[in-house]
Protein backbone atom coordinates (compact mmCIF):
# COMPACT_ATOMS: atom_id res chain seq x y z
CA MET A 1 3.53 3.98 -20.75
CA HIS A 2 1.57 0.78 -20.28
CA GLU A 3 0.66 0.51 -23.94
CA ARG A 4 4.18 1.40 -25.04
CA TYR A 5 6.03 -1.09 -22.80
CA LYS A 6 3.61 -3.87 -21.83
CA ASP A 7 5.08 -6.25 -24.41
CA LYS A 8 8.52 -5.71 -22.85
CA GLY A 9 7.27 -6.70 -19.40
CA LEU A 10 5.89 -3.50 -17.87
CA SER A 11 2.88 -4.01 -15.64
CA ILE A 12 1.02 -1.08 -14.18
CA ILE A 13 -1.23 -1.44 -11.18
CA ALA A 14 -3.03 1.63 -9.92
CA VAL A 15 -4.30 1.53 -6.36
CA SER A 16 -7.30 3.61 -5.39
CA VAL A 17 -7.72 4.47 -1.73
CA ASP A 18 -11.20 5.91 -2.27
CA LYS A 19 -13.65 4.61 0.30
CA LYS A 20 -16.39 4.22 -2.30
CA ARG A 21 -15.88 1.73 -5.12
CA GLY A 22 -18.35 3.75 -7.22
CA LEU A 23 -15.73 6.48 -7.66
CA ILE A 24 -13.41 3.97 -9.29
CA LYS A 25 -16.18 2.84 -11.60
CA GLN A 26 -16.86 6.44 -12.66
CA PHE A 27 -13.18 7.00 -13.34
CA THR A 28 -12.76 3.83 -15.38
CA GLN A 29 -15.84 4.57 -17.44
CA LYS A 30 -14.40 7.96 -18.40
CA THR A 31 -10.79 6.94 -18.97
CA GLU A 32 -11.04 3.27 -19.99
CA PRO A 33 -7.62 2.34 -18.57
CA THR A 34 -5.77 -0.64 -20.03
CA PHE A 35 -4.13 -1.51 -16.74
CA ILE A 36 -5.34 -2.90 -13.42
CA ILE A 37 -6.95 -0.59 -10.87
CA ALA A 38 -7.07 -2.16 -7.42
CA HIS A 39 -9.25 -0.94 -4.58
CA ASP A 40 -7.70 -0.43 -1.14
CA PRO A 41 -10.24 1.48 0.97
CA THR A 42 -8.36 0.66 4.20
CA GLY A 43 -5.11 2.20 2.96
CA LYS A 44 -2.95 -0.85 3.74
CA VAL A 45 -0.98 -0.53 0.51
CA ALA A 46 -0.47 3.20 1.07
CA LYS A 47 0.90 2.49 4.55
CA ALA A 48 3.13 -0.31 3.31
CA TYR A 49 4.77 2.00 0.78
CA GLY A 50 4.88 5.06 3.05
CA LEU A 51 2.65 7.09 0.76
CA ARG A 52 3.24 10.80 1.32
CA GLY A 53 1.14 12.26 -1.48
CA MET A 54 -0.90 11.41 -4.52
CA PRO A 55 -0.35 10.51 -7.16
CA SER A 56 2.80 8.56 -6.40
CA THR A 57 4.72 6.21 -8.63
CA TYR A 58 6.67 3.20 -7.45
CA LEU A 59 8.87 1.29 -9.87
CA ILE A 60 9.51 -2.26 -8.77
CA ASP A 61 12.03 -4.42 -10.59
CA ARG A 62 11.56 -7.99 -11.80
CA ASN A 63 12.87 -9.25 -8.44
CA GLY A 64 10.21 -7.39 -6.49
CA GLN A 65 12.59 -4.71 -5.21
CA LEU A 66 11.41 -1.11 -4.98
CA VAL A 67 13.90 0.93 -7.02
CA VAL A 68 12.23 4.28 -7.75
CA THR A 69 9.73 6.35 -5.80
CA HIS A 70 8.27 9.47 -7.37
CA MET A 71 5.61 11.73 -5.87
CA GLY A 72 3.30 13.90 -7.93
CA PHE A 73 2.81 14.24 -11.64
CA ARG A 74 4.52 16.93 -13.64
CA THR A 75 4.91 16.75 -17.40
CA LYS A 76 8.58 17.71 -17.02
CA ASP A 77 9.19 14.48 -15.04
CA LYS A 78 7.85 12.19 -17.76
CA ASP A 79 11.14 11.71 -19.61
CA LYS A 80 13.03 10.89 -16.41
CA LEU A 81 10.42 8.31 -15.38
CA GLU A 82 10.34 6.80 -18.84
CA ALA A 83 14.13 6.47 -18.82
CA ALA A 84 13.93 4.68 -15.47
CA ILE A 85 11.29 2.32 -16.87
CA GLN A 86 13.39 1.61 -19.96
CA SER A 87 16.44 0.92 -17.81
CA LEU A 88 14.56 -1.56 -15.64
CA LEU A 89 13.05 -3.33 -18.63
CA GLU A 90 16.51 -3.81 -20.14
CA LYS A 91 17.74 -5.69 -17.08
């Protein structure tokens, strides 16, 4: 999604709540993500967003308003999430 929509304004920030930064490094070496991965070992971001499970997706509009919350990752949900992203980018 990041590669497909970054030129239209999509920014993706992943937040790792792993206590050990080394786990993030291992992950990024394997996957080579093209988006930001932040480290939040204290879980402040998770608390702020009321994280109930991982992975979770939060779509925030250009005004900083949370508009979509989605928990989990299922291939069948991809189209719905992509449509939500497209809709937000058109605004």
